[in-house]
Amino acid sequence: MIKIIIFLIISLNIPPVFAYIGPGMGGGVIAAIFGLIAAFFLGLWGILYYPIKRALKNKKLKKKLSKNGNQKSK
């Protein structure tokens, strides 16, 4: 309990630091955030796109084969 109180006293007595970050750092942070978001969604797209594409192609092929089979039986 005493350690927590000492930690709070020390952490609340920190003087303000005046540092210039600059526009490059802000731009870099924004670019990194957009990059992480884009990587997440592109990864999700890569995982989901091909199985869905293959399922639709197989469905279309089955429909075409069943249509040809029905025409031959008439």
Protein backbone atom coordinates (compact mmCIF):
# COMPACT_ATOMS: atom_id res chain seq x y z
CA MET A 1 0.00 0.00 0.00
CA ILE A 2 2.83 2.39 0.86
CA LYS A 3 4.54 1.58 -2.43
CA ILE A 4 1.42 2.58 -4.35
CA ILE A 5 1.19 5.90 -2.50
CA ILE A 6 4.87 6.63 -3.12
CA PHE A 7 4.45 5.74 -6.79
CA LEU A 8 1.48 8.11 -7.10
CA ILE A 9 3.34 10.95 -5.40
CA ILE A 10 6.35 10.50 -7.65
CA SER A 11 4.27 10.19 -10.82
CA LEU A 12 2.18 13.27 -10.02
CA ASN A 13 5.24 15.45 -9.31
CA ILE A 14 6.78 15.08 -12.77
CA PRO A 15 7.45 18.52 -14.28
CA PRO A 16 6.04 19.17 -17.76
CA VAL A 17 8.38 18.42 -20.64
CA PHE A 18 8.42 20.91 -23.49
CA ALA A 19 9.52 19.06 -26.59
CA TYR A 20 8.93 19.77 -30.23
CA ILE A 21 7.64 16.72 -32.04
CA GLY A 22 7.24 18.29 -35.47
CA PRO A 23 4.91 17.56 -38.36
CA GLY A 24 6.97 14.60 -39.59
CA MET A 25 6.33 12.62 -36.46
CA GLY A 26 2.59 13.27 -36.62
CA GLY A 27 2.51 12.27 -40.28
CA GLY A 28 4.45 9.13 -39.51
CA VAL A 29 2.03 8.15 -36.75
CA ILE A 30 -0.96 8.74 -39.03
CA ALA A 31 0.66 6.73 -41.83
CA ALA A 32 1.45 3.87 -39.43
CA ILE A 33 -2.14 3.79 -38.16
CA PHE A 34 -3.55 3.75 -41.69
CA GLY A 35 -1.01 1.08 -42.63
CA LEU A 36 -2.09 -1.17 -39.77
CA ILE A 37 -5.76 -0.73 -40.60
CA ALA A 38 -5.12 -1.41 -44.31
CA ALA A 39 -3.02 -4.49 -43.49
CA PHE A 40 -5.81 -5.87 -41.31
CA PHE A 41 -8.53 -5.41 -43.92
CA LEU A 42 -6.36 -6.59 -46.82
CA GLY A 43 -5.42 -9.69 -44.85
CA LEU A 44 -9.07 -10.36 -44.12
CA TRP A 45 -9.89 -9.83 -47.80
CA GLY A 46 -7.13 -12.23 -48.84
CA ILE A 47 -8.39 -14.91 -46.48
CA LEU A 48 -12.06 -14.62 -47.46
CA TYR A 49 -11.94 -13.69 -51.16
CA TYR A 50 -10.60 -16.85 -52.75
CA PRO A 51 -12.83 -19.39 -50.94
CA ILE A 52 -15.91 -17.28 -51.76
CA LYS A 53 -14.79 -16.89 -55.37
CA ARG A 54 -14.22 -20.64 -55.67
CA ALA A 55 -17.62 -21.43 -54.13
CA LEU A 56 -19.40 -19.09 -56.55
CA LYS A 57 -17.49 -20.57 -59.49
CA ASN A 58 -18.40 -24.12 -58.42
CA LYS A 59 -22.05 -23.12 -57.99
CA LYS A 60 -22.10 -21.58 -61.45
CA LEU A 61 -20.43 -24.67 -62.94
CA LYS A 62 -22.93 -27.03 -61.27
CA LYS A 63 -25.82 -24.92 -62.53
CA LYS A 64 -24.38 -25.02 -66.05
CA LEU A 65 -23.84 -28.79 -65.90
CA SER A 66 -27.34 -29.45 -64.60
CA LYS A 67 -28.80 -27.24 -67.34
CA ASN A 68 -26.87 -29.19 -70.02
CA GLY A 69 -27.95 -32.47 -68.44
CA ASN A 70 -31.62 -31.45 -68.53
CA GLN A 71 -31.39 -30.50 -72.21
CA LYS A 72 -29.82 -33.83 -73.16
CA SER A 73 -32.49 -35.87 -71.37
CA LYS A 74 -35.38 -34.24 -73.29
